[in-house]
Amino acid sequence: MARTAMLLLLSAHSVTSALLINVAQIKVYPVYPVFGVFQASLSSSYAFNASVAREVCDRLGVVMADKEQVEKAHRRRLETCRFGWIDEQVAVIPRIHSKDSCGQGKVGIITWRASLDSLFDVFCFNSTDYEVQVAMWHEAPSSTVTPAPLTSSGNPKWAKTTRSPSRDDQRPASSSVPESQAFSDTRSTSAGLIFLIVSLMALFALLLLSVFCYYK
């Protein structure tokens, strides 16, 4: 019974941590996903354990990227200098160029099988962005496809460019876009606040139940 109570407390703590994250403060890199993949962070320091990382992508209206998706983006020149959780519950850094301060100078998809409580960023995957880029890549395989900024009507225009998204000297936390610009279907502030209040009330009830079971 005590073990069950502890598991309930740990689960409640993870969910509470995710709910307290302000989506508007999440930063993404690159600003325009590469084959649907982008890295999300909260600050200059790592902030997400494995469960919170998955919730972050969900709250952004996308899913956590898996290794295959990150590998495809890496082949399209995606490169970062920070570890991020992926769907297989490991942390990775996609590297193209060797740099001692990024993945110990290794290249490729550097993997870190850390504890699930360890804090990293997270790699998310936008399937809509991926489908558009794949379609345009087949039309012009020599070009890297990136979406242009949103127009005043809210509809993105897609442009072909040879600019590489790889930036050795830039941390992903330094690039941010408004929530409404990055993802059209994220929750509004008011709806998110209501959801947060209701969820916290439910968690409080769960905590009371777990304490009751512990001392019963």
N, C-alpha and C. Protein backbone atom coordinates (compact mmCIF):
# COMPACT_ATOMS: atom_id res chain seq x y z
N MET A 1 0.82 -1.21 0.00
CA MET A 1 0.00 0.00 0.00
C MET A 1 0.86 1.26 0.00
N ALA A 2 1.93 1.21 0.80
CA ALA A 2 2.83 2.37 0.86
C ALA A 2 3.49 2.61 -0.49
N ARG A 3 3.85 1.51 -1.17
CA ARG A 3 4.49 1.64 -2.49
C ARG A 3 3.52 2.28 -3.49
N THR A 4 2.25 1.87 -3.43
CA THR A 4 1.25 2.44 -4.32
C THR A 4 1.08 3.93 -4.07
N ALA A 5 1.07 4.30 -2.80
CA ALA A 5 0.93 5.72 -2.46
C ALA A 5 2.09 6.54 -2.98
N MET A 6 3.30 5.99 -2.87
CA MET A 6 4.48 6.71 -3.35
C MET A 6 4.42 6.87 -4.87
N LEU A 7 3.99 5.82 -5.58
CA LEU A 7 3.88 5.91 -7.03
C LEU A 7 2.85 6.97 -7.44
N LEU A 8 1.75 7.03 -6.70
CA LEU A 8 0.74 8.04 -6.98
C LEU A 8 1.28 9.44 -6.75
N LEU A 9 2.07 9.61 -5.70
CA LEU A 9 2.66 10.92 -5.41
C LEU A 9 3.63 11.33 -6.50
N LEU A 10 4.46 10.39 -6.96
CA LEU A 10 5.42 10.69 -8.02
C LEU A 10 4.70 11.05 -9.31
N SER A 11 3.65 10.31 -9.64
CA SER A 11 2.89 10.61 -10.85
C SER A 11 2.24 11.98 -10.76
N ALA A 12 1.69 12.29 -9.60
CA ALA A 12 1.06 13.59 -9.42
C ALA A 12 2.07 14.71 -9.54
N HIS A 13 3.28 14.50 -9.03
CA HIS A 13 4.33 15.52 -9.12
C HIS A 13 4.71 15.78 -10.57
N SER A 14 4.85 14.72 -11.37
CA SER A 14 5.22 14.88 -12.77
C SER A 14 4.15 15.63 -13.55
N VAL A 15 2.89 15.25 -13.32
CA VAL A 15 1.79 15.91 -14.03
C VAL A 15 1.68 17.37 -13.62
N THR A 16 1.84 17.64 -12.31
CA THR A 16 1.77 19.02 -11.83
C THR A 16 2.87 19.86 -12.46
N SER A 17 4.08 19.32 -12.56
CA SER A 17 5.19 20.06 -13.17
C SER A 17 4.87 20.42 -14.61
N ALA A 18 4.27 19.50 -15.34
CA ALA A 18 3.93 19.77 -16.74
C ALA A 18 2.85 20.84 -16.84
N LEU A 19 1.86 20.79 -15.95
CA LEU A 19 0.77 21.75 -16.01
C LEU A 19 1.23 23.16 -15.69
N LEU A 20 2.26 23.28 -14.85
CA LEU A 20 2.74 24.59 -14.44
C LEU A 20 3.62 25.25 -15.49
N ILE A 21 3.96 24.54 -16.55
CA ILE A 21 4.78 25.11 -17.61
C ILE A 21 3.95 26.08 -18.44
N ASN A 22 4.45 27.29 -18.59
CA ASN A 22 3.77 28.29 -19.42
C ASN A 22 4.19 28.07 -20.87
N VAL A 23 3.24 27.66 -21.71
CA VAL A 23 3.54 27.34 -23.10
C VAL A 23 4.15 28.54 -23.82
N ALA A 24 3.71 29.74 -23.46
CA ALA A 24 4.20 30.94 -24.13
C ALA A 24 5.69 31.17 -23.89
N GLN A 25 6.25 30.54 -22.84
CA GLN A 25 7.66 30.71 -22.52
C GLN A 25 8.55 29.66 -23.20
N ILE A 26 7.94 28.69 -23.83
CA ILE A 26 8.72 27.64 -24.49
C ILE A 26 9.38 28.19 -25.75
N LYS A 27 10.65 27.90 -25.91
CA LYS A 27 11.42 28.36 -27.07
C LYS A 27 11.66 27.18 -28.00
N VAL A 28 11.69 27.45 -29.29
CA VAL A 28 11.89 26.37 -30.25
C VAL A 28 13.09 26.67 -31.14
N TYR A 29 13.76 25.60 -31.57
CA TYR A 29 14.89 25.70 -32.50
C TYR A 29 14.89 24.48 -33.41
N PRO A 30 15.07 24.69 -34.70
CA PRO A 30 15.04 25.98 -35.39
C PRO A 30 13.63 26.56 -35.40
N VAL A 31 13.53 27.84 -35.72
CA VAL A 31 12.23 28.50 -35.74
C VAL A 31 11.28 27.77 -36.69
N TYR A 32 11.81 27.32 -37.82
CA TYR A 32 11.02 26.54 -38.78
C TYR A 32 11.50 25.09 -38.71
N PRO A 33 10.64 24.14 -38.35
CA PRO A 33 11.05 22.74 -38.21
C PRO A 33 11.73 22.19 -39.47
N VAL A 34 12.63 21.24 -39.26
CA VAL A 34 13.29 20.56 -40.36
C VAL A 34 12.65 19.18 -40.51
N PHE A 35 11.96 18.97 -41.63
CA PHE A 35 11.21 17.72 -41.83
C PHE A 35 10.31 17.43 -40.63
N GLY A 36 9.71 18.48 -40.09
CA GLY A 36 8.76 18.34 -38.99
C GLY A 36 9.37 18.33 -37.61
N VAL A 37 10.70 18.27 -37.51
CA VAL A 37 11.36 18.14 -36.21
C VAL A 37 11.89 19.49 -35.72
N PHE A 38 11.66 19.77 -34.44
CA PHE A 38 12.24 20.95 -33.81
C PHE A 38 12.52 20.62 -32.34
N GLN A 39 13.39 21.41 -31.73
CA GLN A 39 13.75 21.20 -30.33
C GLN A 39 13.07 22.27 -29.47
N ALA A 40 12.42 21.86 -28.40
CA ALA A 40 11.73 22.79 -27.50
C ALA A 40 12.47 22.84 -26.17
N SER A 41 12.65 24.06 -25.65
CA SER A 41 13.32 24.25 -24.37
C SER A 41 12.57 25.32 -23.59
N LEU A 42 12.87 25.41 -22.30
CA LEU A 42 12.19 26.39 -21.46
C LEU A 42 13.10 27.54 -21.08
N SER A 43 14.40 27.29 -21.01
CA SER A 43 15.35 28.32 -20.61
C SER A 43 16.73 27.89 -21.06
N SER A 44 17.75 28.62 -20.58
CA SER A 44 19.12 28.25 -20.92
C SER A 44 19.54 26.96 -20.21
N SER A 45 18.79 26.56 -19.19
CA SER A 45 19.07 25.32 -18.47
C SER A 45 18.05 24.25 -18.87
N TYR A 46 18.47 22.99 -18.82
CA TYR A 46 17.54 21.91 -19.09
C TYR A 46 16.40 21.91 -18.07
N ALA A 47 15.18 21.58 -18.51
CA ALA A 47 14.03 21.72 -17.61
C ALA A 47 13.03 20.56 -17.64
N PHE A 48 13.17 19.61 -18.59
CA PHE A 48 12.14 18.58 -18.75
C PHE A 48 12.67 17.19 -18.44
N ASN A 49 11.97 16.45 -17.55
CA ASN A 49 12.27 15.03 -17.45
C ASN A 49 11.49 14.31 -18.56
N ALA A 50 11.58 12.99 -18.62
CA ALA A 50 11.01 12.27 -19.76
C ALA A 50 9.50 12.45 -19.88
N SER A 51 8.79 12.38 -18.75
CA SER A 51 7.33 12.49 -18.80
C SER A 51 6.87 13.91 -19.09
N VAL A 52 7.53 14.89 -18.49
CA VAL A 52 7.17 16.29 -18.74
C VAL A 52 7.48 16.66 -20.19
N ALA A 53 8.58 16.13 -20.72
CA ALA A 53 8.96 16.41 -22.11
C ALA A 53 7.85 16.00 -23.07
N ARG A 54 7.28 14.83 -22.85
CA ARG A 54 6.19 14.35 -23.72
C ARG A 54 4.97 15.27 -23.60
N GLU A 55 4.68 15.72 -22.38
CA GLU A 55 3.54 16.60 -22.17
C GLU A 55 3.75 17.95 -22.85
N VAL A 56 5.00 18.42 -22.89
CA VAL A 56 5.30 19.70 -23.54
C VAL A 56 4.92 19.64 -25.02
N CYS A 57 5.34 18.59 -25.70
CA CYS A 57 4.99 18.45 -27.12
C CYS A 57 3.48 18.36 -27.30
N ASP A 58 2.82 17.64 -26.40
CA ASP A 58 1.37 17.50 -26.49
C ASP A 58 0.69 18.85 -26.33
N ARG A 59 1.15 19.66 -25.41
CA ARG A 59 0.54 20.97 -25.18
C ARG A 59 0.82 21.93 -26.34
N LEU A 60 1.86 21.66 -27.10
CA LEU A 60 2.14 22.46 -28.29
C LEU A 60 1.33 22.00 -29.50
N GLY A 61 0.56 20.94 -29.31
CA GLY A 61 -0.28 20.46 -30.40
C GLY A 61 0.43 19.52 -31.35
N VAL A 62 1.57 18.96 -30.92
CA VAL A 62 2.33 18.03 -31.76
C VAL A 62 2.66 16.80 -30.92
N VAL A 63 3.58 15.95 -31.39
CA VAL A 63 3.97 14.76 -30.65
C VAL A 63 5.48 14.76 -30.44
N MET A 64 5.93 13.90 -29.54
CA MET A 64 7.37 13.76 -29.33
C MET A 64 7.98 13.03 -30.53
N ALA A 65 9.08 13.54 -31.04
CA ALA A 65 9.74 12.92 -32.19
C ALA A 65 10.40 11.61 -31.79
N ASP A 66 10.43 10.66 -32.72
CA ASP A 66 11.16 9.43 -32.46
C ASP A 66 12.52 9.50 -33.16
N LYS A 67 13.34 8.47 -32.95
CA LYS A 67 14.71 8.51 -33.46
C LYS A 67 14.74 8.57 -34.98
N GLU A 68 13.86 7.82 -35.63
CA GLU A 68 13.83 7.82 -37.10
C GLU A 68 13.52 9.21 -37.65
N GLN A 69 12.60 9.90 -37.01
CA GLN A 69 12.25 11.25 -37.46
C GLN A 69 13.40 12.22 -37.26
N VAL A 70 14.11 12.09 -36.14
CA VAL A 70 15.27 12.94 -35.89
C VAL A 70 16.37 12.64 -36.90
N GLU A 71 16.55 11.36 -37.23
CA GLU A 71 17.57 10.98 -38.22
C GLU A 71 17.27 11.58 -39.59
N LYS A 72 15.99 11.57 -39.99
CA LYS A 72 15.62 12.17 -41.28
C LYS A 72 15.91 13.67 -41.27
N ALA A 73 15.58 14.33 -40.17
CA ALA A 73 15.84 15.77 -40.07
C ALA A 73 17.34 16.04 -40.06
N HIS A 74 18.10 15.16 -39.43
CA HIS A 74 19.56 15.30 -39.39
C HIS A 74 20.14 15.21 -40.79
N ARG A 75 19.60 14.31 -41.61
CA ARG A 75 20.06 14.20 -42.99
C ARG A 75 19.70 15.45 -43.80
N ARG A 76 18.74 16.21 -43.33
CA ARG A 76 18.37 17.48 -43.97
C ARG A 76 19.07 18.64 -43.27
N ARG A 77 20.16 18.35 -42.53
CA ARG A 77 21.04 19.36 -41.94
C ARG A 77 20.58 19.89 -40.60
N LEU A 78 19.71 19.18 -39.88
CA LEU A 78 19.36 19.61 -38.53
C LEU A 78 20.53 19.34 -37.59
N GLU A 79 20.93 20.33 -36.85
CA GLU A 79 22.05 20.21 -35.91
C GLU A 79 21.77 21.09 -34.69
N THR A 80 21.96 20.54 -33.49
CA THR A 80 21.79 21.31 -32.26
C THR A 80 23.00 21.09 -31.36
N CYS A 81 23.02 21.84 -30.28
CA CYS A 81 24.12 21.69 -29.32
C CYS A 81 23.58 21.39 -27.93
N ARG A 82 22.37 20.85 -27.87
CA ARG A 82 21.75 20.51 -26.59
C ARG A 82 21.04 19.16 -26.72
N PHE A 83 21.07 18.39 -25.63
CA PHE A 83 20.36 17.12 -25.61
C PHE A 83 18.85 17.35 -25.51
N GLY A 84 18.10 16.46 -26.14
CA GLY A 84 16.65 16.52 -26.06
C GLY A 84 16.07 15.11 -25.99
N TRP A 85 15.01 14.95 -25.20
CA TRP A 85 14.32 13.66 -25.11
C TRP A 85 13.64 13.32 -26.44
N ILE A 86 13.60 12.04 -26.78
CA ILE A 86 12.83 11.57 -27.92
C ILE A 86 11.90 10.45 -27.45
N ASP A 87 11.06 9.94 -28.35
CA ASP A 87 10.01 9.00 -27.99
C ASP A 87 10.53 7.72 -27.36
N GLU A 88 11.73 7.30 -27.72
CA GLU A 88 12.30 6.07 -27.17
C GLU A 88 12.81 6.24 -25.74
N GLN A 89 12.57 7.42 -25.14
CA GLN A 89 12.97 7.74 -23.77
C GLN A 89 14.48 7.73 -23.59
N VAL A 90 15.17 8.23 -24.59
CA VAL A 90 16.60 8.50 -24.51
C VAL A 90 16.80 9.94 -24.96
N ALA A 91 17.92 10.52 -24.57
CA ALA A 91 18.24 11.89 -24.98
C ALA A 91 19.24 11.84 -26.13
N VAL A 92 19.09 12.73 -27.09
CA VAL A 92 19.98 12.74 -28.25
C VAL A 92 20.40 14.16 -28.61
N ILE A 93 21.52 14.24 -29.35
CA ILE A 93 21.96 15.47 -29.99
C ILE A 93 22.27 15.13 -31.44
N PRO A 94 21.62 15.76 -32.40
CA PRO A 94 22.00 15.57 -33.81
C PRO A 94 23.16 16.49 -34.15
N ARG A 95 24.30 15.90 -34.56
CA ARG A 95 25.49 16.69 -34.86
C ARG A 95 25.97 16.40 -36.28
N ILE A 96 26.33 17.47 -36.98
CA ILE A 96 26.91 17.37 -38.32
C ILE A 96 28.40 17.67 -38.27
N HIS A 97 28.75 18.70 -37.53
CA HIS A 97 30.15 19.11 -37.39
C HIS A 97 30.67 18.76 -36.00
N SER A 98 31.92 18.39 -35.93
CA SER A 98 32.53 18.04 -34.65
C SER A 98 32.84 19.29 -33.84
N LYS A 99 32.40 19.29 -32.60
CA LYS A 99 32.67 20.41 -31.70
C LYS A 99 32.74 19.87 -30.28
N ASP A 100 33.84 20.15 -29.57
CA ASP A 100 34.06 19.56 -28.26
C ASP A 100 32.94 19.86 -27.27
N SER A 101 32.38 21.05 -27.35
CA SER A 101 31.34 21.46 -26.39
C SER A 101 29.95 20.95 -26.77
N CYS A 102 29.85 20.24 -27.88
CA CYS A 102 28.55 19.71 -28.33
C CYS A 102 28.67 18.21 -28.56
N GLY A 103 28.18 17.41 -27.63
CA GLY A 103 28.22 15.97 -27.81
C GLY A 103 29.62 15.39 -27.79
N GLN A 104 30.52 16.04 -27.03
CA GLN A 104 31.90 15.56 -26.87
C GLN A 104 32.63 15.40 -28.19
N GLY A 105 32.30 16.25 -29.14
CA GLY A 105 33.01 16.23 -30.41
C GLY A 105 32.57 15.16 -31.38
N LYS A 106 31.55 14.40 -31.02
CA LYS A 106 31.07 13.33 -31.90
C LYS A 106 30.13 13.90 -32.97
N VAL A 107 29.90 13.12 -34.01
CA VAL A 107 28.96 13.52 -35.07
C VAL A 107 27.93 12.41 -35.25
N GLY A 108 26.81 12.75 -35.89
CA GLY A 108 25.72 11.80 -36.05
C GLY A 108 24.65 12.06 -35.01
N ILE A 109 23.91 11.03 -34.64
CA ILE A 109 22.91 11.13 -33.58
C ILE A 109 23.54 10.60 -32.30
N ILE A 110 23.99 11.49 -31.44
CA ILE A 110 24.63 11.09 -30.19
C ILE A 110 23.55 10.76 -29.17
N THR A 111 23.61 9.57 -28.59
CA THR A 111 22.56 9.09 -27.68
C THR A 111 23.06 9.03 -26.25
N TRP A 112 22.20 9.45 -25.31
CA TRP A 112 22.50 9.38 -23.89
C TRP A 112 21.34 8.64 -23.21
N ARG A 113 21.62 7.44 -22.70
CA ARG A 113 20.59 6.66 -22.00
C ARG A 113 20.63 7.04 -20.52
N ALA A 114 20.03 8.15 -20.21
CA ALA A 114 20.05 8.69 -18.86
C ALA A 114 18.80 8.25 -18.09
N SER A 115 18.81 8.52 -16.79
CA SER A 115 17.63 8.25 -15.96
C SER A 115 16.45 9.07 -16.48
N LEU A 116 15.25 8.52 -16.37
CA LEU A 116 14.06 9.21 -16.86
C LEU A 116 13.76 10.48 -16.07
N ASP A 117 14.40 10.62 -14.91
CA ASP A 117 14.23 11.84 -14.11
C ASP A 117 15.22 12.93 -14.52
N SER A 118 16.18 12.60 -15.38
CA SER A 118 17.17 13.58 -15.82
C SER A 118 16.49 14.68 -16.63
N LEU A 119 17.05 15.87 -16.57
CA LEU A 119 16.46 17.03 -17.25
C LEU A 119 17.18 17.33 -18.56
N PHE A 120 16.42 17.44 -19.64
CA PHE A 120 16.93 17.82 -20.95
C PHE A 120 15.88 18.70 -21.63
N ASP A 121 16.12 19.04 -22.90
CA ASP A 121 15.09 19.65 -23.74
C ASP A 121 14.26 18.50 -24.32
N VAL A 122 13.47 18.78 -25.36
CA VAL A 122 12.69 17.72 -26.00
C VAL A 122 12.61 17.99 -27.50
N PHE A 123 12.67 16.92 -28.29
CA PHE A 123 12.46 17.02 -29.73
C PHE A 123 11.00 16.68 -30.03
N CYS A 124 10.31 17.60 -30.69
CA CYS A 124 8.91 17.40 -31.06
C CYS A 124 8.80 17.21 -32.57
N PHE A 125 7.66 16.68 -32.99
CA PHE A 125 7.44 16.40 -34.41
C PHE A 125 6.08 16.93 -34.85
N ASN A 126 6.09 17.77 -35.90
CA ASN A 126 4.88 18.33 -36.49
C ASN A 126 4.61 17.60 -37.81
N SER A 127 3.63 16.71 -37.82
CA SER A 127 3.38 15.88 -39.00
C SER A 127 2.91 16.70 -40.20
N THR A 128 2.15 17.75 -39.95
CA THR A 128 1.68 18.60 -41.06
C THR A 128 2.85 19.27 -41.76
N ASP A 129 3.77 19.81 -40.98
CA ASP A 129 4.96 20.44 -41.54
C ASP A 129 5.78 19.42 -42.33
N TYR A 130 5.90 18.21 -41.78
CA TYR A 130 6.68 17.16 -42.45
C TYR A 130 6.09 16.83 -43.82
N GLU A 131 4.78 16.65 -43.88
CA GLU A 131 4.13 16.28 -45.15
C GLU A 131 4.33 17.35 -46.22
N VAL A 132 4.22 18.61 -45.82
CA VAL A 132 4.40 19.70 -46.79
C VAL A 132 5.84 19.73 -47.29
N GLN A 133 6.80 19.59 -46.37
CA GLN A 133 8.21 19.64 -46.76
C GLN A 133 8.59 18.45 -47.64
N VAL A 134 8.06 17.27 -47.33
CA VAL A 134 8.35 16.10 -48.15
C VAL A 134 7.83 16.30 -49.57
N ALA A 135 6.62 16.82 -49.69
CA ALA A 135 6.03 17.05 -51.01
C ALA A 135 6.87 18.03 -51.82
N MET A 136 7.32 19.09 -51.19
CA MET A 136 8.10 20.09 -51.90
C MET A 136 9.53 19.62 -52.14
N TRP A 137 10.03 18.74 -51.26
CA TRP A 137 11.37 18.18 -51.46
C TRP A 137 11.41 17.32 -52.71
N HIS A 138 10.35 16.56 -52.96
CA HIS A 138 10.29 15.73 -54.16
C HIS A 138 10.22 16.58 -55.42
N GLU A 139 9.64 17.77 -55.30
CA GLU A 139 9.56 18.67 -56.45
C GLU A 139 10.91 19.30 -56.76
N ALA A 140 11.67 19.62 -55.70
CA ALA A 140 12.97 20.28 -55.88
C ALA A 140 13.97 19.69 -54.89
N PRO A 141 14.50 18.48 -55.13
CA PRO A 141 15.37 17.79 -54.18
C PRO A 141 16.67 18.51 -53.88
N SER A 142 17.06 19.46 -54.69
CA SER A 142 18.32 20.17 -54.44
C SER A 142 18.15 21.33 -53.49
N SER A 143 16.92 21.59 -53.08
CA SER A 143 16.66 22.73 -52.21
C SER A 143 16.20 22.27 -50.84
N THR A 144 16.51 23.05 -49.83
CA THR A 144 15.99 22.82 -48.50
C THR A 144 14.71 23.62 -48.36
N VAL A 145 13.64 22.96 -47.95
CA VAL A 145 12.35 23.62 -47.90
C VAL A 145 12.08 24.14 -46.50
N THR A 146 11.78 25.42 -46.37
CA THR A 146 11.42 26.01 -45.09
C THR A 146 10.20 26.87 -45.28
N PRO A 147 9.33 26.92 -44.25
CA PRO A 147 8.15 27.75 -44.38
C PRO A 147 8.49 29.21 -44.14
N ALA A 148 7.85 30.11 -44.90
CA ALA A 148 8.03 31.54 -44.68
C ALA A 148 7.18 31.96 -43.49
N PRO A 149 7.44 33.14 -42.91
CA PRO A 149 6.65 33.59 -41.76
C PRO A 149 5.17 33.66 -42.12
N LEU A 150 4.33 33.58 -41.07
CA LEU A 150 2.90 33.65 -41.29
C LEU A 150 2.51 34.99 -41.89
N THR A 151 1.52 34.97 -42.78
CA THR A 151 1.00 36.21 -43.34
C THR A 151 -0.03 36.79 -42.39
N SER A 152 -0.51 37.98 -42.69
CA SER A 152 -1.49 38.63 -41.83
C SER A 152 -2.79 37.85 -41.73
N SER A 153 -3.06 37.03 -42.75
CA SER A 153 -4.28 36.22 -42.73
C SER A 153 -4.13 34.96 -41.91
N GLY A 154 -2.90 34.71 -41.43
CA GLY A 154 -2.66 33.54 -40.59
C GLY A 154 -2.28 32.31 -41.36
N ASN A 155 -2.18 32.37 -42.67
CA ASN A 155 -1.81 31.22 -43.49
C ASN A 155 -0.34 31.27 -43.84
N PRO A 156 0.42 30.19 -43.56
CA PRO A 156 1.84 30.20 -43.87
C PRO A 156 2.09 30.06 -45.36
N LYS A 157 3.12 30.73 -45.85
CA LYS A 157 3.58 30.52 -47.22
C LYS A 157 4.84 29.67 -47.15
N TRP A 158 5.01 28.78 -48.10
CA TRP A 158 6.15 27.88 -48.10
C TRP A 158 7.14 28.32 -49.15
N ALA A 159 8.39 28.38 -48.77
CA ALA A 159 9.43 28.87 -49.67
C ALA A 159 10.56 27.88 -49.75
N LYS A 160 11.27 27.86 -50.90
CA LYS A 160 12.45 27.01 -51.08
C LYS A 160 13.69 27.86 -50.90
N THR A 161 14.63 27.32 -50.14
CA THR A 161 15.85 28.07 -49.90
C THR A 161 17.00 27.10 -49.73
N THR A 162 18.19 27.55 -49.99
CA THR A 162 19.37 26.70 -49.82
C THR A 162 20.03 26.96 -48.49
N ARG A 163 19.42 27.80 -47.63
CA ARG A 163 20.00 28.11 -46.33
C ARG A 163 19.92 26.89 -45.43
N SER A 164 21.02 26.55 -44.79
CA SER A 164 21.05 25.40 -43.91
C SER A 164 20.56 25.79 -42.52
N PRO A 165 19.75 24.92 -41.86
CA PRO A 165 19.29 25.22 -40.52
C PRO A 165 20.34 24.96 -39.46
N SER A 166 21.49 24.43 -39.83
CA SER A 166 22.53 24.10 -38.87
C SER A 166 23.22 25.36 -38.37
N ARG A 167 23.32 25.47 -37.04
CA ARG A 167 24.02 26.61 -36.44
C ARG A 167 24.84 26.10 -35.27
N ASP A 168 26.15 26.04 -35.44
CA ASP A 168 27.03 25.53 -34.40
C ASP A 168 27.05 26.42 -33.18
N ASP A 169 27.05 27.73 -33.41
CA ASP A 169 27.29 28.66 -32.31
C ASP A 169 26.01 29.20 -31.70
N GLN A 170 24.88 28.60 -31.99
CA GLN A 170 23.62 29.11 -31.49
C GLN A 170 22.89 28.04 -30.72
N ARG A 171 22.53 28.35 -29.47
CA ARG A 171 21.77 27.40 -28.67
C ARG A 171 20.30 27.48 -29.03
N PRO A 172 19.59 26.36 -28.97
CA PRO A 172 18.18 26.38 -29.34
C PRO A 172 17.35 27.29 -28.46
N ALA A 173 17.79 27.52 -27.22
CA ALA A 173 16.99 28.35 -26.33
C ALA A 173 16.97 29.80 -26.75
N SER A 174 17.82 30.21 -27.70
CA SER A 174 17.88 31.60 -28.10
C SER A 174 16.88 31.94 -29.18
N SER A 175 16.19 30.95 -29.73
CA SER A 175 15.21 31.19 -30.78
C SER A 175 13.82 30.94 -30.25
N SER A 176 12.92 31.90 -30.40
CA SER A 176 11.56 31.73 -29.93
C SER A 176 10.60 32.37 -30.90
N VAL A 177 9.38 31.84 -30.92
CA VAL A 177 8.32 32.43 -31.73
C VAL A 177 7.06 32.44 -30.89
N PRO A 178 6.13 33.35 -31.15
CA PRO A 178 4.86 33.35 -30.42
C PRO A 178 4.15 32.03 -30.59
N GLU A 179 3.42 31.63 -29.58
CA GLU A 179 2.71 30.36 -29.63
C GLU A 179 1.77 30.29 -30.82
N SER A 180 1.06 31.38 -31.09
CA SER A 180 0.09 31.37 -32.19
C SER A 180 0.76 31.26 -33.54
N GLN A 181 2.03 31.71 -33.65
CA GLN A 181 2.75 31.62 -34.92
C GLN A 181 3.31 30.23 -35.14
N ALA A 182 3.77 29.58 -34.08
CA ALA A 182 4.39 28.27 -34.24
C ALA A 182 3.38 27.16 -34.43
N PHE A 183 2.27 27.22 -33.72
CA PHE A 183 1.29 26.16 -33.80
C PHE A 183 -0.11 26.75 -33.76
N SER A 184 -0.87 26.52 -34.79
CA SER A 184 -2.18 27.16 -34.92
C SER A 184 -3.22 26.58 -33.99
N ASP A 185 -2.98 25.37 -33.48
CA ASP A 185 -4.04 24.72 -32.71
C ASP A 185 -3.72 24.59 -31.23
N THR A 186 -2.84 25.40 -30.68
CA THR A 186 -2.56 25.35 -29.25
C THR A 186 -3.69 25.98 -28.47
N ARG A 187 -3.79 25.65 -27.20
CA ARG A 187 -4.89 26.16 -26.39
C ARG A 187 -4.76 27.65 -26.16
N SER A 188 -5.87 28.31 -26.02
CA SER A 188 -5.87 29.73 -25.69
C SER A 188 -5.50 29.89 -24.23
N THR A 189 -5.11 31.10 -23.84
CA THR A 189 -4.68 31.35 -22.47
C THR A 189 -5.78 31.06 -21.48
N SER A 190 -7.00 31.51 -21.77
CA SER A 190 -8.11 31.31 -20.84
C SER A 190 -8.46 29.84 -20.70
N ALA A 191 -8.50 29.13 -21.82
CA ALA A 191 -8.82 27.71 -21.76
C ALA A 191 -7.74 26.95 -21.01
N GLY A 192 -6.50 27.34 -21.23
CA GLY A 192 -5.39 26.69 -20.53
C GLY A 192 -5.46 26.92 -19.04
N LEU A 193 -5.88 28.13 -18.64
CA LEU A 193 -5.98 28.45 -17.22
C LEU A 193 -7.07 27.63 -16.56
N ILE A 194 -8.21 27.50 -17.24
CA ILE A 194 -9.31 26.70 -16.70
C ILE A 194 -8.87 25.24 -16.57
N PHE A 195 -8.19 24.75 -17.60
CA PHE A 195 -7.70 23.37 -17.57
C PHE A 195 -6.73 23.16 -16.43
N LEU A 196 -5.87 24.15 -16.18
CA LEU A 196 -4.89 24.06 -15.11
C LEU A 196 -5.56 23.98 -13.76
N ILE A 197 -6.57 24.85 -13.54
CA ILE A 197 -7.26 24.88 -12.25
C ILE A 197 -7.97 23.56 -11.98
N VAL A 198 -8.70 23.06 -12.98
CA VAL A 198 -9.42 21.80 -12.83
C VAL A 198 -8.46 20.65 -12.57
N SER A 199 -7.35 20.63 -13.30
CA SER A 199 -6.37 19.55 -13.15
C SER A 199 -5.72 19.58 -11.77
N LEU A 200 -5.41 20.78 -11.28
CA LEU A 200 -4.80 20.90 -9.96
C LEU A 200 -5.77 20.43 -8.88
N MET A 201 -7.05 20.73 -9.05
CA MET A 201 -8.05 20.26 -8.08
C MET A 201 -8.11 18.74 -8.07
N ALA A 202 -8.05 18.14 -9.26
CA ALA A 202 -8.08 16.68 -9.36
C ALA A 202 -6.84 16.07 -8.73
N LEU A 203 -5.69 16.71 -8.94
CA LEU A 203 -4.44 16.21 -8.36
C LEU A 203 -4.47 16.32 -6.84
N PHE A 204 -5.06 17.40 -6.33
CA PHE A 204 -5.15 17.58 -4.89
C PHE A 204 -5.98 16.45 -4.29
N ALA A 205 -7.10 16.11 -4.95
CA ALA A 205 -7.94 15.02 -4.48
C ALA A 205 -7.17 13.70 -4.52
N LEU A 206 -6.36 13.51 -5.58
CA LEU A 206 -5.57 12.29 -5.71
C LEU A 206 -4.54 12.19 -4.59
N LEU A 207 -3.93 13.32 -4.25
CA LEU A 207 -2.95 13.33 -3.17
C LEU A 207 -3.60 12.99 -1.83
N LEU A 208 -4.78 13.55 -1.58
CA LEU A 208 -5.49 13.24 -0.34
C LEU A 208 -5.82 11.75 -0.26
N LEU A 209 -6.23 11.18 -1.39
CA LEU A 209 -6.55 9.75 -1.43
C LEU A 209 -5.32 8.90 -1.16
N SER A 210 -4.19 9.30 -1.75
CA SER A 210 -2.96 8.52 -1.55
C SER A 210 -2.50 8.58 -0.11
N VAL A 211 -2.63 9.75 0.53
CA VAL A 211 -2.24 9.89 1.94
C VAL A 211 -3.16 9.04 2.82
N PHE A 212 -4.46 9.05 2.49
CA PHE A 212 -5.42 8.24 3.24
C PHE A 212 -5.08 6.76 3.14
N CYS A 213 -4.76 6.32 1.92
CA CYS A 213 -4.40 4.91 1.71
C CYS A 213 -3.12 4.55 2.45
N TYR A 214 -2.20 5.51 2.52
CA TYR A 214 -0.91 5.26 3.16
C TYR A 214 -1.07 5.01 4.66
N TYR A 215 -1.94 5.79 5.31
CA TYR A 215 -2.09 5.68 6.76
C TYR A 215 -3.22 4.73 7.17
N LYS A 216 -3.93 4.19 6.18
CA LYS A 216 -5.04 3.29 6.51
C LYS A 216 -4.53 1.97 7.09
